[in-house]
Amino acid sequence: WLTETAPSCKWHLWHMARWADYVQSLLSDVVDEHAPELWEFTGIA
């Protein structure tokens, strides 16, 4: 973290991975049958 108010690159990548996982689960209801987030389903959390 280059400053206290600038999250690390790893944090930004994690954040966007979480968002992609969240959004893919929401979209699963539109294009397939419901699929959970990897975060919970595979035990990453």
All heavy atoms as atom14 arrays in JSON, in Angstrom:
{
  "sequence": "WLTETAPSCKWHLWHMARWADYVQSLLSDVVDEHAPELWEFTGIA",
  "atom14_mask": [
    [1, 1, 1, 1, 1, 1, 1, 1, 1, 1, 1, 1, 1, 1],
    [1, 1, 1, 1, 1, 1, 1, 1, 0, 0, 0, 0, 0, 0],
    [1, 1, 1, 1, 1, 1, 1, 0, 0, 0, 0, 0, 0, 0],
    [1, 1, 1, 1, 1, 1, 1, 1, 1, 0, 0, 0, 0, 0],
    [1, 1, 1, 1, 1, 1, 1, 0, 0, 0, 0, 0, 0, 0],
    [1, 1, 1, 1, 1, 0, 0, 0, 0, 0, 0, 0, 0, 0],
    [1, 1, 1, 1, 1, 1, 1, 0, 0, 0, 0, 0, 0, 0],
    [1, 1, 1, 1, 1, 1, 0, 0, 0, 0, 0, 0, 0, 0],
    [1, 1, 1, 1, 1, 1, 0, 0, 0, 0, 0, 0, 0, 0],
    [1, 1, 1, 1, 1, 1, 1, 1, 1, 0, 0, 0, 0, 0],
    [1, 1, 1, 1, 1, 1, 1, 1, 1, 1, 1, 1, 1, 1],
    [1, 1, 1, 1, 1, 1, 1, 1, 1, 1, 0, 0, 0, 0],
    [1, 1, 1, 1, 1, 1, 1, 1, 0, 0, 0, 0, 0, 0],
    [1, 1, 1, 1, 1, 1, 1, 1, 1, 1, 1, 1, 1, 1],
    [1, 1, 1, 1, 1, 1, 1, 1, 1, 1, 0, 0, 0, 0],
    [1, 1, 1, 1, 1, 1, 1, 1, 0, 0, 0, 0, 0, 0],
    [1, 1, 1, 1, 1, 0, 0, 0, 0, 0, 0, 0, 0, 0],
    [1, 1, 1, 1, 1, 1, 1, 1, 1, 1, 1, 0, 0, 0],
    [1, 1, 1, 1, 1, 1, 1, 1, 1, 1, 1, 1, 1, 1],
    [1, 1, 1, 1, 1, 0, 0, 0, 0, 0, 0, 0, 0, 0],
    [1, 1, 1, 1, 1, 1, 1, 1, 0, 0, 0, 0, 0, 0],
    [1, 1, 1, 1, 1, 1, 1, 1, 1, 1, 1, 1, 0, 0],
    [1, 1, 1, 1, 1, 1, 1, 0, 0, 0, 0, 0, 0, 0],
    [1, 1, 1, 1, 1, 1, 1, 1, 1, 0, 0, 0, 0, 0],
    [1, 1, 1, 1, 1, 1, 0, 0, 0, 0, 0, 0, 0, 0],
    [1, 1, 1, 1, 1, 1, 1, 1, 0, 0, 0, 0, 0, 0],
    [1, 1, 1, 1, 1, 1, 1, 1, 0, 0, 0, 0, 0, 0],
    [1, 1, 1, 1, 1, 1, 0, 0, 0, 0, 0, 0, 0, 0],
    [1, 1, 1, 1, 1, 1, 1, 1, 0, 0, 0, 0, 0, 0],
    [1, 1, 1, 1, 1, 1, 1, 0, 0, 0, 0, 0, 0, 0],
    [1, 1, 1, 1, 1, 1, 1, 0, 0, 0, 0, 0, 0, 0],
    [1, 1, 1, 1, 1, 1, 1, 1, 0, 0, 0, 0, 0, 0],
    [1, 1, 1, 1, 1, 1, 1, 1, 1, 0, 0, 0, 0, 0],
    [1, 1, 1, 1, 1, 1, 1, 1, 1, 1, 0, 0, 0, 0],
    [1, 1, 1, 1, 1, 0, 0, 0, 0, 0, 0, 0, 0, 0],
    [1, 1, 1, 1, 1, 1, 1, 0, 0, 0, 0, 0, 0, 0],
    [1, 1, 1, 1, 1, 1, 1, 1, 1, 0, 0, 0, 0, 0],
    [1, 1, 1, 1, 1, 1, 1, 1, 0, 0, 0, 0, 0, 0],
    [1, 1, 1, 1, 1, 1, 1, 1, 1, 1, 1, 1, 1, 1],
    [1, 1, 1, 1, 1, 1, 1, 1, 1, 0, 0, 0, 0, 0],
    [1, 1, 1, 1, 1, 1, 1, 1, 1, 1, 1, 0, 0, 0],
    [1, 1, 1, 1, 1, 1, 1, 0, 0, 0, 0, 0, 0, 0],
    [1, 1, 1, 1, 0, 0, 0, 0, 0, 0, 0, 0, 0, 0],
    [1, 1, 1, 1, 1, 1, 1, 1, 0, 0, 0, 0, 0, 0],
    [1, 1, 1, 1, 1, 0, 0, 0, 0, 0, 0, 0, 0, 0]
  ],
  "atom14_positions": [
    [[0.89, -1.16, 0.0], [0.0, 0.0, 0.0], [0.93, 1.21, 0.0], [1.59, 1.47, 1.0], [-0.89, 0.0, 1.24], [-2.03, -0.97, 1.2], [-1.96, -2.31, 0.97], [-3.4, -0.65, 1.4], [-3.21, -2.86, 1.01], [-4.12, -1.87, 1.28], [-4.09, 0.52, 1.68], [-5.5, -1.93, 1.42], [-5.47, 0.44, 1.83], [-6.17, -0.75, 1.69]],
    [[1.0, 1.92, -1.12], [1.94, 3.02, -1.23], [1.62, 4.16, -0.27], [2.51, 4.89, 0.15], [2.01, 3.53, -2.66], [2.49, 2.49, -3.69], [2.53, 3.08, -5.08], [3.83, 1.91, -3.3], [0.0, 0.0, 0.0], [0.0, 0.0, 0.0], [0.0, 0.0, 0.0], [0.0, 0.0, 0.0], [0.0, 0.0, 0.0], [0.0, 0.0, 0.0]],
    [[0.36, 4.32, 0.06], [-0.09, 5.24, 1.11], [-1.23, 4.54, 1.84], [-1.72, 3.5, 1.39], [-0.6, 6.59, 0.55], [-1.85, 6.37, -0.11], [0.38, 7.22, -0.42], [0.0, 0.0, 0.0], [0.0, 0.0, 0.0], [0.0, 0.0, 0.0], [0.0, 0.0, 0.0], [0.0, 0.0, 0.0], [0.0, 0.0, 0.0], [0.0, 0.0, 0.0]],
    [[-1.64, 5.1, 2.94], [-2.74, 4.49, 3.71], [-4.06, 4.52, 2.95], [-5.0, 3.81, 3.31], [-2.9, 5.22, 5.05], [-1.71, 5.01, 5.99], [-1.5, 3.55, 6.35], [-2.48, 2.84, 6.7], [-0.34, 3.1, 6.26], [0.0, 0.0, 0.0], [0.0, 0.0, 0.0], [0.0, 0.0, 0.0], [0.0, 0.0, 0.0], [0.0, 0.0, 0.0]],
    [[-4.14, 5.34, 1.9], [-5.4, 5.49, 1.16], [-5.32, 4.93, -0.25], [-6.21, 5.2, -1.07], [-5.81, 6.97, 1.11], [-4.74, 7.71, 0.51], [-6.11, 7.5, 2.5], [0.0, 0.0, 0.0], [0.0, 0.0, 0.0], [0.0, 0.0, 0.0], [0.0, 0.0, 0.0], [0.0, 0.0, 0.0], [0.0, 0.0, 0.0], [0.0, 0.0, 0.0]],
    [[-4.29, 4.17, -0.57], [-4.15, 3.58, -1.91], [-3.99, 2.07, -1.76], [-2.89, 1.58, -1.52], [-2.94, 4.18, -2.64], [0.0, 0.0, 0.0], [0.0, 0.0, 0.0], [0.0, 0.0, 0.0], [0.0, 0.0, 0.0], [0.0, 0.0, 0.0], [0.0, 0.0, 0.0], [0.0, 0.0, 0.0], [0.0, 0.0, 0.0], [0.0, 0.0, 0.0]],
    [[-5.09, 1.32, -1.89], [-5.01, -0.13, -1.75], [-3.98, -0.75, -2.69], [-3.71, -0.25, -3.77], [-6.42, -0.61, -2.09], [-7.29, 0.55, -1.76], [-6.48, 1.76, -2.13], [0.0, 0.0, 0.0], [0.0, 0.0, 0.0], [0.0, 0.0, 0.0], [0.0, 0.0, 0.0], [0.0, 0.0, 0.0], [0.0, 0.0, 0.0], [0.0, 0.0, 0.0]],
    [[-3.46, -1.88, -2.27], [-2.44, -2.58, -3.03], [-3.01, -3.16, -4.32], [-4.23, -3.33, -4.47], [-1.87, -3.72, -2.19], [-2.83, -4.75, -2.02], [0.0, 0.0, 0.0], [0.0, 0.0, 0.0], [0.0, 0.0, 0.0], [0.0, 0.0, 0.0], [0.0, 0.0, 0.0], [0.0, 0.0, 0.0], [0.0, 0.0, 0.0], [0.0, 0.0, 0.0]],
    [[-2.12, -3.51, -5.22], [-2.54, -4.18, -6.46], [-3.23, -5.5, -6.15], [-4.21, -5.87, -6.79], [-1.34, -4.4, -7.38], [-0.74, -2.89, -8.16], [0.0, 0.0, 0.0], [0.0, 0.0, 0.0], [0.0, 0.0, 0.0], [0.0, 0.0, 0.0], [0.0, 0.0, 0.0], [0.0, 0.0, 0.0], [0.0, 0.0, 0.0], [0.0, 0.0, 0.0]],
    [[-2.71, -6.21, -5.15], [-3.33, -7.48, -4.78], [-4.76, -7.25, -4.28], [-5.67, -8.02, -4.61], [-2.48, -8.19, -3.71], [-2.96, -9.57, -3.4], [-1.98, -10.46, -2.65], [-1.38, -9.91, -1.41], [-0.6, -10.94, -0.67], [0.0, 0.0, 0.0], [0.0, 0.0, 0.0], [0.0, 0.0, 0.0], [0.0, 0.0, 0.0], [0.0, 0.0, 0.0]],
    [[-4.96, -6.17, -3.51], [-6.32, -5.87, -3.04], [-7.23, -5.58, -4.23], [-8.35, -6.09, -4.29], [-6.32, -4.67, -2.08], [-7.68, -4.43, -1.51], [-8.18, -4.92, -0.34], [-8.75, -3.69, -2.11], [-9.48, -4.52, -0.17], [-9.87, -3.76, -1.24], [-8.89, -2.96, -3.29], [-11.08, -3.16, -1.53], [-10.11, -2.35, -3.58], [-11.19, -2.45, -2.69]],
    [[-6.78, -4.76, -5.19], [-7.61, -4.43, -6.36], [-7.96, -5.69, -7.15], [-9.1, -5.85, -7.61], [-6.9, -3.41, -7.26], [-6.95, -2.02, -6.73], [-8.07, -1.23, -6.78], [-5.99, -1.27, -6.12], [-7.82, -0.06, -6.23], [-6.56, -0.06, -5.82], [0.0, 0.0, 0.0], [0.0, 0.0, 0.0], [0.0, 0.0, 0.0], [0.0, 0.0, 0.0]],
    [[-6.99, -6.59, -7.32], [-7.26, -7.83, -8.06], [-8.27, -8.69, -7.29], [-9.2, -9.24, -7.88], [-5.97, -8.6, -8.32], [-6.13, -9.86, -9.16], [-6.63, -9.53, -10.56], [-4.81, -10.62, -9.23], [0.0, 0.0, 0.0], [0.0, 0.0, 0.0], [0.0, 0.0, 0.0], [0.0, 0.0, 0.0], [0.0, 0.0, 0.0], [0.0, 0.0, 0.0]],
    [[-8.08, -8.8, -5.97], [-9.03, -9.57, -5.16], [-10.43, -8.97, -5.29], [-11.41, -9.68, -5.48], [-8.6, -9.58, -3.68], [-9.7, -10.06, -2.78], [-10.06, -11.35, -2.55], [-10.61, -9.25, -2.03], [-11.15, -11.4, -1.69], [-11.5, -10.11, -1.37], [-10.76, -7.87, -1.85], [-12.52, -9.64, -0.54], [-11.78, -7.41, -1.02], [-12.64, -8.3, -0.37]],
    [[-10.53, -7.65, -5.16], [-11.82, -6.96, -5.24], [-12.52, -7.25, -6.56], [-13.7, -7.58, -6.59], [-11.59, -5.45, -5.05], [-12.79, -4.61, -5.27], [-13.9, -4.65, -4.46], [-13.05, -3.68, -6.24], [-14.8, -3.78, -4.89], [-14.31, -3.18, -5.98], [0.0, 0.0, 0.0], [0.0, 0.0, 0.0], [0.0, 0.0, 0.0], [0.0, 0.0, 0.0]],
    [[-11.78, -7.17, -7.66], [-12.41, -7.42, -8.96], [-12.73, -8.9, -9.16], [-13.71, -9.24, -9.82], [-11.56, -6.87, -10.09], [-11.61, -5.35, -10.19], [-13.29, -4.6, -10.03], [-14.22, -5.46, -11.29], [0.0, 0.0, 0.0], [0.0, 0.0, 0.0], [0.0, 0.0, 0.0], [0.0, 0.0, 0.0], [0.0, 0.0, 0.0], [0.0, 0.0, 0.0]],
    [[-11.94, -9.78, -8.57], [-12.27, -11.21, -8.62], [-13.56, -11.47, -7.85], [-14.44, -12.22, -8.31], [-11.13, -12.04, -8.05], [0.0, 0.0, 0.0], [0.0, 0.0, 0.0], [0.0, 0.0, 0.0], [0.0, 0.0, 0.0], [0.0, 0.0, 0.0], [0.0, 0.0, 0.0], [0.0, 0.0, 0.0], [0.0, 0.0, 0.0], [0.0, 0.0, 0.0]],
    [[-13.7, -10.84, -6.67], [-14.93, -11.0, -5.89], [-16.12, -10.46, -6.67], [-17.19, -11.06, -6.69], [-14.82, -10.26, -4.54], [-13.96, -10.96, -3.54], [-14.56, -12.31, -3.08], [-15.88, -12.13, -2.49], [-16.98, -12.77, -2.91], [-16.93, -13.64, -3.89], [-18.14, -12.54, -2.33], [0.0, 0.0, 0.0], [0.0, 0.0, 0.0], [0.0, 0.0, 0.0]],
    [[-15.95, -9.29, -7.31], [-17.04, -8.72, -8.1], [-17.42, -9.64, -9.26], [-18.59, -9.88, -9.51], [-16.65, -7.33, -8.64], [-17.22, -6.26, -7.8], [-16.59, -5.57, -6.81], [-18.55, -5.76, -7.85], [-17.46, -4.68, -6.24], [-18.67, -4.77, -6.87], [-19.65, -6.05, -8.63], [-19.85, -4.07, -6.64], [-20.83, -5.36, -8.41], [-20.92, -4.38, -7.42]],
    [[-16.41, -10.16, -9.97], [-16.69, -11.06, -11.09], [-17.45, -12.3, -10.6], [-18.4, -12.75, -11.24], [-15.39, -11.46, -11.79], [0.0, 0.0, 0.0], [0.0, 0.0, 0.0], [0.0, 0.0, 0.0], [0.0, 0.0, 0.0], [0.0, 0.0, 0.0], [0.0, 0.0, 0.0], [0.0, 0.0, 0.0], [0.0, 0.0, 0.0], [0.0, 0.0, 0.0]],
    [[-17.03, -12.82, -9.45], [-17.68, -14.0, -8.89], [-19.13, -13.68, -8.49], [-20.05, -14.45, -8.79], [-16.87, -14.47, -7.68], [-17.19, -15.88, -7.24], [-17.99, -16.57, -7.89], [-16.59, -16.3, -6.22], [0.0, 0.0, 0.0], [0.0, 0.0, 0.0], [0.0, 0.0, 0.0], [0.0, 0.0, 0.0], [0.0, 0.0, 0.0], [0.0, 0.0, 0.0]],
    [[-19.33, -12.55, -7.86], [-20.68, -12.12, -7.46], [-21.57, -11.94, -8.69], [-22.69, -12.45, -8.75], [-20.57, -10.83, -6.65], [-21.89, -10.21, -6.28], [-22.74, -10.82, -5.36], [-22.28, -9.0, -6.82], [-23.95, -10.24, -5.02], [-23.49, -8.41, -6.48], [-24.32, -9.04, -5.58], [-25.52, -8.46, -5.24], [0.0, 0.0, 0.0], [0.0, 0.0, 0.0]],
    [[-21.06, -11.24, -9.7], [-21.86, -10.95, -10.89], [-22.12, -12.22, -11.7], [-23.23, -12.41, -12.21], [-21.19, -9.84, -11.75], [-21.9, -9.66, -13.08], [-21.16, -8.52, -10.97], [0.0, 0.0, 0.0], [0.0, 0.0, 0.0], [0.0, 0.0, 0.0], [0.0, 0.0, 0.0], [0.0, 0.0, 0.0], [0.0, 0.0, 0.0], [0.0, 0.0, 0.0]],
    [[-21.13, -13.12, -11.79], [-21.39, -14.36, -12.53], [-22.52, -15.15, -11.88], [-23.33, -15.76, -12.58], [-20.12, -15.2, -12.7], [-19.57, -15.91, -11.48], [-20.27, -17.2, -11.07], [-20.95, -17.82, -11.89], [-20.12, -17.58, -9.82], [0.0, 0.0, 0.0], [0.0, 0.0, 0.0], [0.0, 0.0, 0.0], [0.0, 0.0, 0.0], [0.0, 0.0, 0.0]],
    [[-22.6, -15.13, -10.56], [-23.67, -15.83, -9.88], [-25.02, -15.19, -10.19], [-26.0, -15.88, -10.45], [-23.42, -15.85, -8.37], [-24.45, -16.53, -7.7], [0.0, 0.0, 0.0], [0.0, 0.0, 0.0], [0.0, 0.0, 0.0], [0.0, 0.0, 0.0], [0.0, 0.0, 0.0], [0.0, 0.0, 0.0], [0.0, 0.0, 0.0], [0.0, 0.0, 0.0]],
    [[-25.06, -13.86, -10.2], [-26.31, -13.17, -10.56], [-26.72, -13.48, -11.99], [-27.89, -13.72, -12.28], [-26.15, -11.66, -10.4], [-25.98, -11.1, -9.0], [-25.76, -9.59, -9.06], [-27.17, -11.43, -8.12], [0.0, 0.0, 0.0], [0.0, 0.0, 0.0], [0.0, 0.0, 0.0], [0.0, 0.0, 0.0], [0.0, 0.0, 0.0], [0.0, 0.0, 0.0]],
    [[-25.75, -13.48, -12.91], [-26.05, -13.74, -14.32], [-26.43, -15.19, -14.57], [-27.1, -15.49, -15.56], [-24.88, -13.36, -15.21], [-24.66, -11.89, -15.47], [-23.49, -11.69, -16.41], [-25.9, -11.22, -16.03], [0.0, 0.0, 0.0], [0.0, 0.0, 0.0], [0.0, 0.0, 0.0], [0.0, 0.0, 0.0], [0.0, 0.0, 0.0], [0.0, 0.0, 0.0]],
    [[-26.0, -16.09, -13.69], [-26.33, -17.5, -13.91], [-27.84, -17.69, -13.97], [-28.33, -18.54, -14.72], [-25.71, -18.38, -12.82], [-26.34, -18.18, -11.56], [0.0, 0.0, 0.0], [0.0, 0.0, 0.0], [0.0, 0.0, 0.0], [0.0, 0.0, 0.0], [0.0, 0.0, 0.0], [0.0, 0.0, 0.0], [0.0, 0.0, 0.0], [0.0, 0.0, 0.0]],
    [[-28.59, -16.9, -13.22], [-30.04, -16.98, -13.24], [-30.62, -16.55, -14.58], [-31.72, -16.95, -14.95], [-30.65, -16.12, -12.13], [-30.33, -16.64, -10.74], [-30.19, -17.86, -10.57], [-30.21, -15.8, -9.83], [0.0, 0.0, 0.0], [0.0, 0.0, 0.0], [0.0, 0.0, 0.0], [0.0, 0.0, 0.0], [0.0, 0.0, 0.0], [0.0, 0.0, 0.0]],
    [[-29.89, -15.73, -15.32], [-30.35, -15.21, -16.61], [-30.03, -16.18, -17.74], [-30.84, -16.38, -18.63], [-29.71, -13.83, -16.9], [-30.07, -13.33, -18.28], [-30.11, -12.81, -15.83], [0.0, 0.0, 0.0], [0.0, 0.0, 0.0], [0.0, 0.0, 0.0], [0.0, 0.0, 0.0], [0.0, 0.0, 0.0], [0.0, 0.0, 0.0], [0.0, 0.0, 0.0]],
    [[-28.85, -16.79, -17.72], [-28.39, -17.58, -18.86], [-28.38, -19.09, -18.61], [-28.23, -19.86, -19.56], [-26.98, -17.13, -19.33], [-27.02, -15.69, -19.79], [-25.94, -17.34, -18.25], [0.0, 0.0, 0.0], [0.0, 0.0, 0.0], [0.0, 0.0, 0.0], [0.0, 0.0, 0.0], [0.0, 0.0, 0.0], [0.0, 0.0, 0.0], [0.0, 0.0, 0.0]],
    [[-28.5, -19.53, -17.39], [-28.46, -20.94, -17.02], [-29.38, -21.15, -15.84], [-30.25, -20.36, -15.58], [-27.04, -21.33, -16.55], [-26.06, -21.53, -17.69], [-26.45, -22.08, -18.72], [-24.89, -21.16, -17.52], [0.0, 0.0, 0.0], [0.0, 0.0, 0.0], [0.0, 0.0, 0.0], [0.0, 0.0, 0.0], [0.0, 0.0, 0.0], [0.0, 0.0, 0.0]],
    [[-29.08, -22.18, -15.09], [-29.72, -22.34, -13.79], [-28.8, -21.69, -12.76], [-27.62, -21.47, -13.03], [-29.95, -23.81, -13.47], [-28.7, -24.64, -13.44], [-29.01, -26.12, -13.23], [-29.86, -26.65, -13.98], [-28.41, -26.71, -12.34], [0.0, 0.0, 0.0], [0.0, 0.0, 0.0], [0.0, 0.0, 0.0], [0.0, 0.0, 0.0], [0.0, 0.0, 0.0]],
    [[-29.35, -21.38, -11.6], [-28.58, -20.65, -10.59], [-27.3, -21.39, -10.22], [-27.28, -22.59, -10.0], [-29.41, -20.41, -9.33], [-28.63, -19.66, -8.29], [-28.37, -18.32, -8.4], [-28.02, -20.08, -7.17], [-27.63, -17.93, -7.38], [-27.41, -18.99, -6.61], [0.0, 0.0, 0.0], [0.0, 0.0, 0.0], [0.0, 0.0, 0.0], [0.0, 0.0, 0.0]],
    [[-26.22, -20.63, -10.16], [-24.93, -21.16, -9.72], [-24.42, -20.25, -8.6], [-24.5, -19.04, -8.7], [-23.93, -21.17, -10.88], [0.0, 0.0, 0.0], [0.0, 0.0, 0.0], [0.0, 0.0, 0.0], [0.0, 0.0, 0.0], [0.0, 0.0, 0.0], [0.0, 0.0, 0.0], [0.0, 0.0, 0.0], [0.0, 0.0, 0.0], [0.0, 0.0, 0.0]],
    [[-23.9, -20.84, -7.54], [-23.39, -20.04, -6.42], [-22.05, -19.4, -6.77], [-21.43, -19.73, -7.79], [-23.23, -21.06, -5.3], [-22.98, -22.35, -6.0], [-23.77, -22.28, -7.29], [0.0, 0.0, 0.0], [0.0, 0.0, 0.0], [0.0, 0.0, 0.0], [0.0, 0.0, 0.0], [0.0, 0.0, 0.0], [0.0, 0.0, 0.0], [0.0, 0.0, 0.0]],
    [[-21.62, -18.53, -5.9], [-20.29, -17.94, -6.05], [-19.24, -18.98, -5.69], [-19.42, -19.76, -4.76], [-20.14, -16.74, -5.1], [-21.04, -15.59, -5.43], [-20.94, -14.47, -4.41], [-19.81, -14.16, -3.97], [-22.0, -13.92, -4.04], [0.0, 0.0, 0.0], [0.0, 0.0, 0.0], [0.0, 0.0, 0.0], [0.0, 0.0, 0.0], [0.0, 0.0, 0.0]],
    [[-18.14, -18.97, -6.41], [-17.0, -19.84, -6.09], [-16.55, -19.6, -4.65], [-16.14, -20.53, -3.96], [-15.81, -19.52, -7.0], [-15.9, -19.89, -8.45], [-14.76, -19.26, -9.23], [-15.88, -21.39, -8.59], [0.0, 0.0, 0.0], [0.0, 0.0, 0.0], [0.0, 0.0, 0.0], [0.0, 0.0, 0.0], [0.0, 0.0, 0.0], [0.0, 0.0, 0.0]],
    [[-16.57, -18.34, -4.25], [-16.1, -17.91, -2.94], [-16.66, -18.77, -1.83], [-15.94, -19.19, -0.93], [-16.49, -16.45, -2.76], [-15.97, -15.79, -1.53], [-16.69, -15.45, -0.42], [-14.63, -15.36, -1.28], [-15.9, -14.83, 0.51], [-14.61, -14.76, -0.01], [-13.45, -15.41, -2.01], [-13.47, -14.23, 0.56], [-12.31, -14.87, -1.44], [-12.32, -14.29, -0.18]],
    [[-17.96, -19.04, -1.9], [-18.6, -19.86, -0.87], [-18.62, -21.33, -1.28], [-18.3, -22.2, -0.48], [-20.04, -19.38, -0.63], [-20.12, -17.97, -0.06], [-19.51, -17.85, 1.32], [-19.49, -18.85, 2.08], [-19.04, -16.75, 1.65], [0.0, 0.0, 0.0], [0.0, 0.0, 0.0], [0.0, 0.0, 0.0], [0.0, 0.0, 0.0], [0.0, 0.0, 0.0]],
    [[-19.0, -21.61, -2.52], [-19.19, -22.97, -2.99], [-17.93, -23.84, -2.86], [-17.99, -24.99, -2.45], [-19.67, -22.96, -4.44], [-19.87, -24.31, -5.04], [-20.94, -25.11, -4.64], [-19.0, -24.8, -6.0], [-21.13, -26.36, -5.18], [-19.18, -26.06, -6.55], [-20.26, -26.83, -6.14], [0.0, 0.0, 0.0], [0.0, 0.0, 0.0], [0.0, 0.0, 0.0]],
    [[-16.78, -23.28, -3.2], [-15.55, -24.05, -3.15], [-14.77, -23.82, -1.85], [-13.69, -24.37, -1.68], [-14.62, -23.72, -4.35], [-14.25, -22.34, -4.3], [-15.31, -24.03, -5.66], [0.0, 0.0, 0.0], [0.0, 0.0, 0.0], [0.0, 0.0, 0.0], [0.0, 0.0, 0.0], [0.0, 0.0, 0.0], [0.0, 0.0, 0.0], [0.0, 0.0, 0.0]],
    [[-15.31, -23.01, -0.95], [-14.69, -22.83, 0.36], [-13.51, -21.88, 0.4], [-12.71, -21.94, 1.33], [0.0, 0.0, 0.0], [0.0, 0.0, 0.0], [0.0, 0.0, 0.0], [0.0, 0.0, 0.0], [0.0, 0.0, 0.0], [0.0, 0.0, 0.0], [0.0, 0.0, 0.0], [0.0, 0.0, 0.0], [0.0, 0.0, 0.0], [0.0, 0.0, 0.0]],
    [[-13.39, -21.0, -0.58], [-12.26, -20.07, -0.61], [-12.28, -19.16, 0.61], [-11.24, -18.92, 1.22], [-12.26, -19.25, -1.92], [-12.02, -20.17, -3.11], [-11.19, -18.16, -1.87], [-12.25, -19.51, -4.46], [0.0, 0.0, 0.0], [0.0, 0.0, 0.0], [0.0, 0.0, 0.0], [0.0, 0.0, 0.0], [0.0, 0.0, 0.0], [0.0, 0.0, 0.0]],
    [[-13.45, -18.67, 0.97], [-13.55, -17.78, 2.14], [-12.98, -18.45, 3.39], [-12.23, -17.84, 4.14], [-15.0, -17.35, 2.37], [0.0, 0.0, 0.0], [0.0, 0.0, 0.0], [0.0, 0.0, 0.0], [0.0, 0.0, 0.0], [0.0, 0.0, 0.0], [0.0, 0.0, 0.0], [0.0, 0.0, 0.0], [0.0, 0.0, 0.0], [0.0, 0.0, 0.0]]
  ]
}
